[in-house]
Amino acid sequence: MTAPRIAMPNRVCPECGAGFVAHHGRQRFCQSAHQTAFHGRNKQRGQVLLPLAQVFRMGKRGKTVDRAFAFGEMCRLLDMWNAEDKDAGRRPELVVTVKRRKGWTAADMSTWRG
């Protein structure tokens, strides 16, 4: 009698940090609730970060005080969010790694509706 095959985890969930066996090649999260939580949190963070990023980019053409403020705020927020993710055991860099391997535009711009 042969021993049953045990599936070894081949992915790590960016939301909970647990290893899991992917059921298809595009699966990045161990459960859909983790995917929803991850993307919802990043959507809220993006709504805060986007205006600062726009001011930072526009500041290259003049208003250096505004640009410096926006850059400082972006750094402060990103440091705070990175600390929150680390404390919660989240690993958002895993999503970026997948996107970098497959090409960032292929992963994101295909779903963008302007």
PDB file of N, CA and C in Angstrom:
ATOM      1  N   MET A   1       0.840  -1.164   0.000  1.00  0.00           N
ATOM      2  CA  MET A   1       0.000   0.000   0.000  1.00  0.00           C
ATOM      3  C   MET A   1       0.901   1.248   0.000  1.00  0.00           C
ATOM      4  N   THR A   2       0.609   2.174  -0.887  1.00  0.00           N
ATOM      5  CA  THR A   2       1.415   3.395  -0.973  1.00  0.00           C
ATOM      6  C   THR A   2       0.844   4.462  -0.050  1.00  0.00           C
ATOM      7  N   ALA A   3       1.720   5.304   0.420  1.00  0.00           N
ATOM      8  CA  ALA A   3       1.301   6.378   1.302  1.00  0.00           C
ATOM      9  C   ALA A   3       0.582   7.444   0.478  1.00  0.00           C
ATOM     10  N   PRO A   4      -0.431   8.070   1.055  1.00  0.00           N
ATOM     11  CA  PRO A   4      -1.125   9.133   0.321  1.00  0.00           C
ATOM     12  C   PRO A   4      -0.184  10.309   0.076  1.00  0.00           C
ATOM     13  N   ARG A   5      -0.366  10.945  -1.054  1.00  0.00           N
ATOM     14  CA  ARG A   5       0.457  12.113  -1.385  1.00  0.00           C
ATOM     15  C   ARG A   5      -0.055  13.318  -0.600  1.00  0.00           C
ATOM     16  N   ILE A   6       0.853  13.975   0.040  1.00  0.00           N
ATOM     17  CA  ILE A   6       0.504  15.170   0.794  1.00  0.00           C
ATOM     18  C   ILE A   6       0.973  16.372  -0.008  1.00  0.00           C
ATOM     19  N   ALA A   7       0.034  17.256  -0.274  1.00  0.00           N
ATOM     20  CA  ALA A   7       0.382  18.445  -1.051  1.00  0.00           C
ATOM     21  C   ALA A   7       1.161  19.412  -0.166  1.00  0.00           C
ATOM     22  N   MET A   8       2.302  19.825  -0.645  1.00  0.00           N
ATOM     23  CA  MET A   8       3.129  20.780   0.077  1.00  0.00           C
ATOM     24  C   MET A   8       2.720  22.194  -0.342  1.00  0.00           C
ATOM     25  N   PRO A   9       2.696  23.121   0.613  1.00  0.00           N
ATOM     26  CA  PRO A   9       2.363  24.502   0.260  1.00  0.00           C
ATOM     27  C   PRO A   9       3.348  25.049  -0.774  1.00  0.00           C
ATOM     28  N   ASN A  10       2.821  25.696  -1.794  1.00  0.00           N
ATOM     29  CA  ASN A  10       3.693  26.268  -2.816  1.00  0.00           C
ATOM     30  C   ASN A  10       3.548  27.777  -2.919  1.00  0.00           C
ATOM     31  N   ARG A  11       2.732  28.382  -2.054  1.00  0.00           N
ATOM     32  CA  ARG A  11       2.533  29.830  -2.034  1.00  0.00           C
ATOM     33  C   ARG A  11       2.448  30.300  -0.593  1.00  0.00           C
ATOM     34  N   VAL A  12       2.626  31.603  -0.418  1.00  0.00           N
ATOM     35  CA  VAL A  12       2.442  32.239   0.884  1.00  0.00           C
ATOM     36  C   VAL A  12       1.419  33.353   0.703  1.00  0.00           C
ATOM     37  N   CYS A  13       0.403  33.356   1.538  1.00  0.00           N
ATOM     38  CA  CYS A  13      -0.657  34.363   1.455  1.00  0.00           C
ATOM     39  C   CYS A  13      -0.118  35.712   1.925  1.00  0.00           C
ATOM     40  N   PRO A  14      -0.240  36.768   1.099  1.00  0.00           N
ATOM     41  CA  PRO A  14       0.235  38.091   1.508  1.00  0.00           C
ATOM     42  C   PRO A  14      -0.558  38.680   2.678  1.00  0.00           C
ATOM     43  N   GLU A  15      -1.758  38.201   2.909  1.00  0.00           N
ATOM     44  CA  GLU A  15      -2.602  38.761   3.977  1.00  0.00           C
ATOM     45  C   GLU A  15      -2.300  38.135   5.336  1.00  0.00           C
ATOM     46  N   CYS A  16      -2.205  36.811   5.393  1.00  0.00           N
ATOM     47  CA  CYS A  16      -2.023  36.155   6.695  1.00  0.00           C
ATOM     48  C   CYS A  16      -0.630  35.547   6.872  1.00  0.00           C
ATOM     49  N   GLY A  17       0.122  35.428   5.788  1.00  0.00           N
ATOM     50  CA  GLY A  17       1.474  34.881   5.868  1.00  0.00           C
ATOM     51  C   GLY A  17       1.529  33.366   5.934  1.00  0.00           C
ATOM     52  N   ALA A  18       0.388  32.694   5.805  1.00  0.00           N
ATOM     53  CA  ALA A  18       0.347  31.235   5.872  1.00  0.00           C
ATOM     54  C   ALA A  18       0.659  30.620   4.507  1.00  0.00           C
ATOM     55  N   GLY A  19       1.298  29.471   4.525  1.00  0.00           N
ATOM     56  CA  GLY A  19       1.539  28.734   3.286  1.00  0.00           C
ATOM     57  C   GLY A  19       0.277  28.012   2.850  1.00  0.00           C
ATOM     58  N   PHE A  20       0.080  27.897   1.550  1.00  0.00           N
ATOM     59  CA  PHE A  20      -1.096  27.190   1.034  1.00  0.00           C
ATOM     60  C   PHE A  20      -0.774  26.613  -0.339  1.00  0.00           C
ATOM     61  N   VAL A  21      -1.604  25.677  -0.769  1.00  0.00           N
ATOM     62  CA  VAL A  21      -1.474  25.065  -2.085  1.00  0.00           C
ATOM     63  C   VAL A  21      -2.401  25.802  -3.035  1.00  0.00           C
ATOM     64  N   ALA A  22      -1.840  26.372  -4.084  1.00  0.00           N
ATOM     65  CA  ALA A  22      -2.643  27.119  -5.057  1.00  0.00           C
ATOM     66  C   ALA A  22      -3.447  26.149  -5.917  1.00  0.00           C
ATOM     67  N   HIS A  23      -4.713  26.466  -6.139  1.00  0.00           N
ATOM     68  CA  HIS A  23      -5.578  25.633  -6.967  1.00  0.00           C
ATOM     69  C   HIS A  23      -5.474  25.984  -8.446  1.00  0.00           C
ATOM     70  N   HIS A  24      -4.932  27.170  -8.739  1.00  0.00           N
ATOM     71  CA  HIS A  24      -4.672  27.564 -10.118  1.00  0.00           C
ATOM     72  C   HIS A  24      -3.492  28.518 -10.123  1.00  0.00           C
ATOM     73  N   GLY A  25      -2.944  28.773 -11.270  1.00  0.00           N
ATOM     74  CA  GLY A  25      -1.712  29.538 -11.388  1.00  0.00           C
ATOM     75  C   GLY A  25      -1.788  30.984 -10.962  1.00  0.00           C
ATOM     76  N   ARG A  26      -2.974  31.590 -10.980  1.00  0.00           N
ATOM     77  CA  ARG A  26      -3.096  33.009 -10.626  1.00  0.00           C
ATOM     78  C   ARG A  26      -3.476  33.230  -9.170  1.00  0.00           C
ATOM     79  N   GLN A  27      -3.676  32.199  -8.413  1.00  0.00           N
ATOM     80  CA  GLN A  27      -4.122  32.342  -7.028  1.00  0.00           C
ATOM     81  C   GLN A  27      -2.980  32.877  -6.158  1.00  0.00           C
ATOM     82  N   ARG A  28      -3.226  34.019  -5.500  1.00  0.00           N
ATOM     83  CA  ARG A  28      -2.204  34.625  -4.645  1.00  0.00           C
ATOM     84  C   ARG A  28      -2.596  34.633  -3.176  1.00  0.00           C
ATOM     85  N   PHE A  29      -3.855  34.371  -2.858  1.00  0.00           N
ATOM     86  CA  PHE A  29      -4.336  34.414  -1.480  1.00  0.00           C
ATOM     87  C   PHE A  29      -4.917  33.051  -1.112  1.00  0.00           C
ATOM     88  N   CYS A  30      -4.854  32.713   0.180  1.00  0.00           N
ATOM     89  CA  CYS A  30      -5.346  31.400   0.599  1.00  0.00           C
ATOM     90  C   CYS A  30      -6.875  31.343   0.627  1.00  0.00           C
ATOM     91  N   GLN A  31      -7.531  32.480   0.784  1.00  0.00           N
ATOM     92  CA  GLN A  31      -8.994  32.528   0.750  1.00  0.00           C
ATOM     93  C   GLN A  31      -9.459  33.853   0.165  1.00  0.00           C
ATOM     94  N   SER A  32     -10.652  33.850  -0.355  1.00  0.00           N
ATOM     95  CA  SER A  32     -11.154  35.066  -1.007  1.00  0.00           C
ATOM     96  C   SER A  32     -11.348  36.205  -0.014  1.00  0.00           C
ATOM     97  N   ALA A  33     -11.648  35.896   1.242  1.00  0.00           N
ATOM     98  CA  ALA A  33     -11.805  36.951   2.251  1.00  0.00           C
ATOM     99  C   ALA A  33     -10.492  37.701   2.455  1.00  0.00           C
ATOM    100  N   HIS A  34      -9.375  36.997   2.365  1.00  0.00           N
ATOM    101  CA  HIS A  34      -8.071  37.650   2.511  1.00  0.00           C
ATOM    102  C   HIS A  34      -7.785  38.553   1.312  1.00  0.00           C
ATOM    103  N   GLN A  35      -8.166  38.127   0.148  1.00  0.00           N
ATOM    104  CA  GLN A  35      -7.976  38.954  -1.043  1.00  0.00           C
ATOM    105  C   GLN A  35      -8.819  40.224  -0.938  1.00  0.00           C
ATOM    106  N   THR A  36     -10.061  40.089  -0.493  1.00  0.00           N
ATOM    107  CA  THR A  36     -10.942  41.240  -0.347  1.00  0.00           C
ATOM    108  C   THR A  36     -10.396  42.223   0.684  1.00  0.00           C
ATOM    109  N   ALA A  37      -9.927  41.717   1.812  1.00  0.00           N
ATOM    110  CA  ALA A  37      -9.369  42.576   2.864  1.00  0.00           C
ATOM    111  C   ALA A  37      -8.121  43.296   2.379  1.00  0.00           C
ATOM    112  N   PHE A  38      -7.249  42.576   1.690  1.00  0.00           N
ATOM    113  CA  PHE A  38      -5.996  43.137   1.191  1.00  0.00           C
ATOM    114  C   PHE A  38      -6.262  44.273   0.207  1.00  0.00           C
ATOM    115  N   HIS A  39      -7.123  44.016  -0.763  1.00  0.00           N
ATOM    116  CA  HIS A  39      -7.395  45.023  -1.787  1.00  0.00           C
ATOM    117  C   HIS A  39      -8.211  46.198  -1.234  1.00  0.00           C
ATOM    118  N   GLY A  40      -9.122  45.929  -0.303  1.00  0.00           N
ATOM    119  CA  GLY A  40      -9.889  47.013   0.308  1.00  0.00           C
ATOM    120  C   GLY A  40      -8.997  47.956   1.100  1.00  0.00           C
ATOM    121  N   ARG A  41      -8.071  47.389   1.866  1.00  0.00           N
ATOM    122  CA  ARG A  41      -7.146  48.215   2.643  1.00  0.00           C
ATOM    123  C   ARG A  41      -6.260  49.034   1.712  1.00  0.00           C
ATOM    124  N   ASN A  42      -5.759  48.422   0.658  1.00  0.00           N
ATOM    125  CA  ASN A  42      -4.897  49.145  -0.274  1.00  0.00           C
ATOM    126  C   ASN A  42      -5.661  50.218  -1.037  1.00  0.00           C
ATOM    127  N   LYS A  43      -6.932  49.993  -1.287  1.00  0.00           N
ATOM    128  CA  LYS A  43      -7.749  51.020  -1.950  1.00  0.00           C
ATOM    129  C   LYS A  43      -7.890  52.237  -1.040  1.00  0.00           C
ATOM    130  N   GLN A  44      -8.151  52.013   0.252  1.00  0.00           N
ATOM    131  CA  GLN A  44      -8.261  53.135   1.196  1.00  0.00           C
ATOM    132  C   GLN A  44      -6.936  53.882   1.305  1.00  0.00           C
ATOM    133  N   ARG A  45      -5.847  53.145   1.378  1.00  0.00           N
ATOM    134  CA  ARG A  45      -4.533  53.776   1.476  1.00  0.00           C
ATOM    135  C   ARG A  45      -4.219  54.583   0.224  1.00  0.00           C
ATOM    136  N   GLY A  46      -4.578  54.068  -0.912  1.00  0.00           N
ATOM    137  CA  GLY A  46      -4.334  54.772  -2.170  1.00  0.00           C
ATOM    138  C   GLY A  46      -5.097  56.076  -2.272  1.00  0.00           C
ATOM    139  N   GLN A  47      -6.314  56.103  -1.716  1.00  0.00           N
ATOM    140  CA  GLN A  47      -7.102  57.334  -1.739  1.00  0.00           C
ATOM    141  C   GLN A  47      -6.448  58.425  -0.903  1.00  0.00           C
ATOM    142  N   VAL A  48      -5.708  58.043   0.122  1.00  0.00           N
ATOM    143  CA  VAL A  48      -4.992  59.016   0.947  1.00  0.00           C
ATOM    144  C   VAL A  48      -3.688  59.426   0.263  1.00  0.00           C
ATOM    145  N   LEU A  49      -3.023  58.467  -0.355  1.00  0.00           N
ATOM    146  CA  LEU A  49      -1.693  58.701  -0.918  1.00  0.00           C
ATOM    147  C   LEU A  49      -1.718  59.439  -2.262  1.00  0.00           C
ATOM    148  N   LEU A  50      -2.734  59.206  -3.071  1.00  0.00           N
ATOM    149  CA  LEU A  50      -2.777  59.777  -4.417  1.00  0.00           C
ATOM    150  C   LEU A  50      -2.685  61.301  -4.450  1.00  0.00           C
ATOM    151  N   PRO A  51      -3.473  62.040  -3.658  1.00  0.00           N
ATOM    152  CA  PRO A  51      -3.339  63.505  -3.716  1.00  0.00           C
ATOM    153  C   PRO A  51      -1.939  63.984  -3.329  1.00  0.00           C
ATOM    154  N   LEU A  52      -1.322  63.315  -2.361  1.00  0.00           N
ATOM    155  CA  LEU A  52       0.036  63.689  -1.973  1.00  0.00           C
ATOM    156  C   LEU A  52       1.023  63.427  -3.101  1.00  0.00           C
ATOM    157  N   ALA A  53       0.862  62.307  -3.780  1.00  0.00           N
ATOM    158  CA  ALA A  53       1.744  61.979  -4.904  1.00  0.00           C
ATOM    159  C   ALA A  53       1.576  62.985  -6.041  1.00  0.00           C
ATOM    160  N   GLN A  54       0.349  63.418  -6.278  1.00  0.00           N
ATOM    161  CA  GLN A  54       0.115  64.409  -7.325  1.00  0.00           C
ATOM    162  C   GLN A  54       0.770  65.743  -6.983  1.00  0.00           C
ATOM    163  N   VAL A  55       0.652  66.178  -5.743  1.00  0.00           N
ATOM    164  CA  VAL A  55       1.291  67.425  -5.324  1.00  0.00           C
ATOM    165  C   VAL A  55       2.801  67.297  -5.440  1.00  0.00           C
ATOM    166  N   PHE A  56       3.324  66.151  -5.048  1.00  0.00           N
ATOM    167  CA  PHE A  56       4.768  65.919  -5.143  1.00  0.00           C
ATOM    168  C   PHE A  56       5.242  66.032  -6.585  1.00  0.00           C
ATOM    169  N   ARG A  57       4.529  65.405  -7.505  1.00  0.00           N
ATOM    170  CA  ARG A  57       4.927  65.451  -8.922  1.00  0.00           C
ATOM    171  C   ARG A  57       4.769  66.854  -9.502  1.00  0.00           C
ATOM    172  N   MET A  58       3.700  67.562  -9.149  1.00  0.00           N
ATOM    173  CA  MET A  58       3.500  68.924  -9.660  1.00  0.00           C
ATOM    174  C   MET A  58       4.538  69.877  -9.083  1.00  0.00           C
ATOM    175  N   GLY A  59       5.011  69.602  -7.872  1.00  0.00           N
ATOM    176  CA  GLY A  59       5.999  70.449  -7.233  1.00  0.00           C
ATOM    177  C   GLY A  59       7.324  70.490  -7.956  1.00  0.00           C
ATOM    178  N   LYS A  60       7.559  69.543  -8.850  1.00  0.00           N
ATOM    179  CA  LYS A  60       8.804  69.546  -9.616  1.00  0.00           C
ATOM    180  C   LYS A  60       8.888  70.757 -10.531  1.00  0.00           C
ATOM    181  N   ARG A  61       7.747  71.398 -10.745  1.00  0.00           N
ATOM    182  CA  ARG A  61       7.732  72.560 -11.635  1.00  0.00           C
ATOM    183  C   ARG A  61       7.595  73.870 -10.861  1.00  0.00           C
ATOM    184  N   GLY A  62       7.999  73.869  -9.606  1.00  0.00           N
ATOM    185  CA  GLY A  62       7.914  75.139  -8.901  1.00  0.00           C
ATOM    186  C   GLY A  62       7.811  75.021  -7.406  1.00  0.00           C
ATOM    187  N   LYS A  63       6.632  74.835  -6.876  1.00  0.00           N
ATOM    188  CA  LYS A  63       6.338  74.948  -5.456  1.00  0.00           C
ATOM    189  C   LYS A  63       7.094  73.898  -4.625  1.00  0.00           C
ATOM    190  N   THR A  64       8.322  74.197  -4.284  1.00  0.00           N
ATOM    191  CA  THR A  64       9.150  73.223  -3.581  1.00  0.00           C
ATOM    192  C   THR A  64       8.700  73.003  -2.140  1.00  0.00           C
ATOM    193  N   VAL A  65       8.076  73.997  -1.513  1.00  0.00           N
ATOM    194  CA  VAL A  65       7.588  73.817  -0.138  1.00  0.00           C
ATOM    195  C   VAL A  65       6.469  72.787  -0.124  1.00  0.00           C
ATOM    196  N   ASP A  66       5.526  72.901  -1.064  1.00  0.00           N
ATOM    197  CA  ASP A  66       4.443  71.918  -1.170  1.00  0.00           C
ATOM    198  C   ASP A  66       4.998  70.534  -1.487  1.00  0.00           C
ATOM    199  N   ARG A  67       5.972  70.493  -2.371  1.00  0.00           N
ATOM    200  CA  ARG A  67       6.573  69.219  -2.755  1.00  0.00           C
ATOM    201  C   ARG A  67       7.240  68.556  -1.554  1.00  0.00           C
ATOM    202  N   ALA A  68       7.970  69.321  -0.777  1.00  0.00           N
ATOM    203  CA  ALA A  68       8.644  68.772   0.403  1.00  0.00           C
ATOM    204  C   ALA A  68       7.633  68.270   1.434  1.00  0.00           C
ATOM    205  N   PHE A  69       6.553  69.024   1.634  1.00  0.00           N
ATOM    206  CA  PHE A  69       5.515  68.596   2.572  1.00  0.00           C
ATOM    207  C   PHE A  69       4.879  67.285   2.103  1.00  0.00           C
ATOM    208  N   ALA A  70       4.514  67.229   0.822  1.00  0.00           N
ATOM    209  CA  ALA A  70       3.865  66.029   0.281  1.00  0.00           C
ATOM    210  C   ALA A  70       4.782  64.818   0.404  1.00  0.00           C
ATOM    211  N   PHE A  71       6.061  64.994   0.095  1.00  0.00           N
ATOM    212  CA  PHE A  71       7.000  63.882   0.189  1.00  0.00           C
ATOM    213  C   PHE A  71       7.135  63.409   1.635  1.00  0.00           C
ATOM    214  N   GLY A  72       7.233  64.347   2.562  1.00  0.00           N
ATOM    215  CA  GLY A  72       7.334  63.984   3.977  1.00  0.00           C
ATOM    216  C   GLY A  72       6.117  63.233   4.473  1.00  0.00           C
ATOM    217  N   GLU A  73       4.934  63.679   4.059  1.00  0.00           N
ATOM    218  CA  GLU A  73       3.697  63.000   4.448  1.00  0.00           C
ATOM    219  C   GLU A  73       3.602  61.606   3.841  1.00  0.00           C
ATOM    220  N   MET A  74       4.001  61.480   2.571  1.00  0.00           N
ATOM    221  CA  MET A  74       3.983  60.158   1.933  1.00  0.00           C
ATOM    222  C   MET A  74       4.899  59.200   2.689  1.00  0.00           C
ATOM    223  N   CYS A  75       6.088  59.646   3.020  1.00  0.00           N
ATOM    224  CA  CYS A  75       7.044  58.794   3.744  1.00  0.00           C
ATOM    225  C   CYS A  75       6.508  58.410   5.116  1.00  0.00           C
ATOM    226  N   ARG A  76       5.912  59.376   5.814  1.00  0.00           N
ATOM    227  CA  ARG A  76       5.360  59.101   7.144  1.00  0.00           C
ATOM    228  C   ARG A  76       4.244  58.052   7.062  1.00  0.00           C
ATOM    229  N   LEU A  77       3.338  58.222   6.102  1.00  0.00           N
ATOM    230  CA  LEU A  77       2.239  57.268   5.934  1.00  0.00           C
ATOM    231  C   LEU A  77       2.753  55.885   5.553  1.00  0.00           C
ATOM    232  N   LEU A  78       3.682  55.843   4.611  1.00  0.00           N
ATOM    233  CA  LEU A  78       4.210  54.544   4.176  1.00  0.00           C
ATOM    234  C   LEU A  78       4.926  53.826   5.305  1.00  0.00           C
ATOM    235  N   ASP A  79       5.693  54.555   6.110  1.00  0.00           N
ATOM    236  CA  ASP A  79       6.353  53.939   7.267  1.00  0.00           C
ATOM    237  C   ASP A  79       5.325  53.402   8.259  1.00  0.00           C
ATOM    238  N   MET A  80       4.262  54.167   8.498  1.00  0.00           N
ATOM    239  CA  MET A  80       3.216  53.737   9.418  1.00  0.00           C
ATOM    240  C   MET A  80       2.518  52.481   8.899  1.00  0.00           C
ATOM    241  N   TRP A  81       2.175  52.478   7.600  1.00  0.00           N
ATOM    242  CA  TRP A  81       1.482  51.320   7.024  1.00  0.00           C
ATOM    243  C   TRP A  81       2.390  50.097   6.975  1.00  0.00           C
ATOM    244  N   ASN A  82       3.669  50.282   6.690  1.00  0.00           N
ATOM    245  CA  ASN A  82       4.604  49.150   6.703  1.00  0.00           C
ATOM    246  C   ASN A  82       4.707  48.554   8.098  1.00  0.00           C
ATOM    247  N   ALA A  83       4.745  49.396   9.128  1.00  0.00           N
ATOM    248  CA  ALA A  83       4.794  48.903  10.506  1.00  0.00           C
ATOM    249  C   ALA A  83       3.505  48.149  10.859  1.00  0.00           C
ATOM    250  N   GLU A  84       2.351  48.679  10.430  1.00  0.00           N
ATOM    251  CA  GLU A  84       1.071  47.993  10.674  1.00  0.00           C
ATOM    252  C   GLU A  84       1.065  46.622  10.018  1.00  0.00           C
ATOM    253  N   ASP A  85       1.500  46.559   8.759  1.00  0.00           N
ATOM    254  CA  ASP A  85       1.518  45.283   8.037  1.00  0.00           C
ATOM    255  C   ASP A  85       2.467  44.293   8.706  1.00  0.00           C
ATOM    256  N   LYS A  86       3.624  44.768   9.120  1.00  0.00           N
ATOM    257  CA  LYS A  86       4.597  43.885   9.769  1.00  0.00           C
ATOM    258  C   LYS A  86       4.039  43.346  11.079  1.00  0.00           C
ATOM    259  N   ASP A  87       3.425  44.218  11.890  1.00  0.00           N
ATOM    260  CA  ASP A  87       2.847  43.796  13.164  1.00  0.00           C
ATOM    261  C   ASP A  87       1.716  42.789  12.971  1.00  0.00           C
ATOM    262  N   ALA A  88       0.963  42.927  11.876  1.00  0.00           N
ATOM    263  CA  ALA A  88      -0.160  42.027  11.601  1.00  0.00           C
ATOM    264  C   ALA A  88       0.272  40.755  10.868  1.00  0.00           C
ATOM    265  N   GLY A  89       1.539  40.663  10.498  1.00  0.00           N
ATOM    266  CA  GLY A  89       2.019  39.476   9.791  1.00  0.00           C
ATOM    267  C   GLY A  89       1.702  39.467   8.307  1.00  0.00           C
ATOM    268  N   ARG A  90       1.321  40.628   7.772  1.00  0.00           N
ATOM    269  CA  ARG A  90       1.014  40.713   6.336  1.00  0.00           C
ATOM    270  C   ARG A  90       2.302  40.894   5.549  1.00  0.00           C
ATOM    271  N   ARG A  91       2.304  40.415   4.301  1.00  0.00           N
ATOM    272  CA  ARG A  91       3.484  40.501   3.453  1.00  0.00           C
ATOM    273  C   ARG A  91       3.111  41.027   2.072  1.00  0.00           C
ATOM    274  N   PRO A  92       2.840  42.339   1.955  1.00  0.00           N
ATOM    275  CA  PRO A  92       2.418  42.893   0.670  1.00  0.00           C
ATOM    276  C   PRO A  92       3.487  42.794  -0.409  1.00  0.00           C
ATOM    277  N   GLU A  93       4.745  42.629  -0.033  1.00  0.00           N
ATOM    278  CA  GLU A  93       5.797  42.510  -1.046  1.00  0.00           C
ATOM    279  C   GLU A  93       5.626  41.262  -1.902  1.00  0.00           C
ATOM    280  N   LEU A  94       4.888  40.275  -1.414  1.00  0.00           N
ATOM    281  CA  LEU A  94       4.656  39.063  -2.202  1.00  0.00           C
ATOM    282  C   LEU A  94       3.826  39.364  -3.445  1.00  0.00           C
ATOM    283  N   VAL A  95       2.883  40.284  -3.353  1.00  0.00           N
ATOM    284  CA  VAL A  95       2.070  40.654  -4.508  1.00  0.00           C
ATOM    285  C   VAL A  95       2.931  41.377  -5.531  1.00  0.00           C
ATOM    286  N   VAL A  96       3.796  42.267  -5.076  1.00  0.00           N
ATOM    287  CA  VAL A  96       4.668  43.009  -5.980  1.00  0.00           C
ATOM    288  C   VAL A  96       5.631  42.057  -6.682  1.00  0.00           C
ATOM    289  N   THR A  97       6.119  41.061  -5.969  1.00  0.00           N
ATOM    290  CA  THR A  97       7.029  40.084  -6.571  1.00  0.00           C
ATOM    291  C   THR A  97       6.356  39.364  -7.734  1.00  0.00           C
ATOM    292  N   VAL A  98       5.105  38.957  -7.545  1.00  0.00           N
ATOM    293  CA  VAL A  98       4.366  38.278  -8.610  1.00  0.00           C
ATOM    294  C   VAL A  98       4.167  39.221  -9.788  1.00  0.00           C
ATOM    295  N   LYS A  99       3.774  40.465  -9.509  1.00  0.00           N
ATOM    296  CA  LYS A  99       3.530  41.423 -10.581  1.00  0.00           C
ATOM    297  C   LYS A  99       4.809  41.756 -11.327  1.00  0.00           C
ATOM    298  N   ARG A 100       5.919  41.850 -10.617  1.00  0.00           N
ATOM    299  CA  ARG A 100       7.191  42.156 -11.265  1.00  0.00           C
ATOM    300  C   ARG A 100       7.597  41.016 -12.200  1.00  0.00           C
ATOM    301  N   ARG A 101       7.385  39.785 -11.747  1.00  0.00           N
ATOM    302  CA  ARG A 101       7.732  38.626 -12.575  1.00  0.00           C
ATOM    303  C   ARG A 101       6.887  38.580 -13.849  1.00  0.00           C
ATOM    304  N   LYS A 102       5.617  38.912 -13.736  1.00  0.00           N
ATOM    305  CA  LYS A 102       4.707  38.811 -14.877  1.00  0.00           C
ATOM    306  C   LYS A 102       4.631  40.096 -15.681  1.00  0.00           C
ATOM    307  N   GLY A 103       5.206  41.155 -15.185  1.00  0.00           N
ATOM    308  CA  GLY A 103       5.111  42.445 -15.859  1.00  0.00           C
ATOM    309  C   GLY A 103       4.019  43.275 -15.227  1.00  0.00           C
ATOM    310  N   TRP A 104       4.381  44.393 -14.629  1.00  0.00           N
ATOM    311  CA  TRP A 104       3.435  45.199 -13.867  1.00  0.00           C
ATOM    312  C   TRP A 104       2.238  45.622 -14.704  1.00  0.00           C
ATOM    313  N   THR A 105       2.473  46.080 -15.916  1.00  0.00           N
ATOM    314  CA  THR A 105       1.360  46.547 -16.739  1.00  0.00           C
ATOM    315  C   THR A 105       0.412  45.422 -17.088  1.00  0.00           C
ATOM    316  N   ALA A 106       0.932  44.248 -17.335  1.00  0.00           N
ATOM    317  CA  ALA A 106       0.069  43.119 -17.678  1.00  0.00           C
ATOM    318  C   ALA A 106      -0.837  42.776 -16.508  1.00  0.00           C
ATOM    319  N   ALA A 107      -0.346  42.921 -15.286  1.00  0.00           N
ATOM    320  CA  ALA A 107      -1.136  42.562 -14.118  1.00  0.00           C
ATOM    321  C   ALA A 107      -2.163  43.630 -13.749  1.00  0.00           C
ATOM    322  N   ASP A 108      -1.848  44.907 -13.969  1.00  0.00           N
ATOM    323  CA  ASP A 108      -2.729  45.967 -13.491  1.00  0.00           C
ATOM    324  C   ASP A 108      -3.500  46.685 -14.586  1.00  0.00           C
ATOM    325  N   MET A 109      -2.843  47.058 -15.651  1.00  0.00           N
ATOM    326  CA  MET A 109      -3.490  47.904 -16.652  1.00  0.00           C
ATOM    327  C   MET A 109      -4.556  47.179 -17.443  1.00  0.00           C
ATOM    328  N   SER A 110      -4.513  45.846 -17.470  1.00  0.00           N
ATOM    329  CA  SER A 110      -5.525  45.111 -18.215  1.00  0.00           C
ATOM    330  C   SER A 110      -6.899  45.261 -17.570  1.00  0.00           C
ATOM    331  N   THR A 111      -6.947  45.553 -16.264  1.00  0.00           N
ATOM    332  CA  THR A 111      -8.227  45.687 -15.580  1.00  0.00           C
ATOM    333  C   THR A 111      -8.611  47.147 -15.366  1.00  0.00           C
ATOM    334  N   TRP A 112      -7.754  48.075 -15.777  1.00  0.00           N
ATOM    335  CA  TRP A 112      -8.018  49.497 -15.571  1.00  0.00           C
ATOM    336  C   TRP A 112      -9.048  50.003 -16.567  1.00  0.00           C
ATOM    337  N   ARG A 113     -10.006  50.763 -16.053  1.00  0.00           N
ATOM    338  CA  ARG A 113     -11.033  51.351 -16.930  1.00  0.00           C
ATOM    339  C   ARG A 113     -10.972  52.864 -16.733  1.00  0.00           C
ATOM    340  N   GLY A 114     -10.523  53.571 -17.767  1.00  0.00           N
ATOM    341  CA  GLY A 114     -10.359  55.010 -17.657  1.00  0.00           C
ATOM    342  C   GLY A 114     -11.548  55.795 -18.094  1.00  0.00           C
TER     343      GLY A 114
END
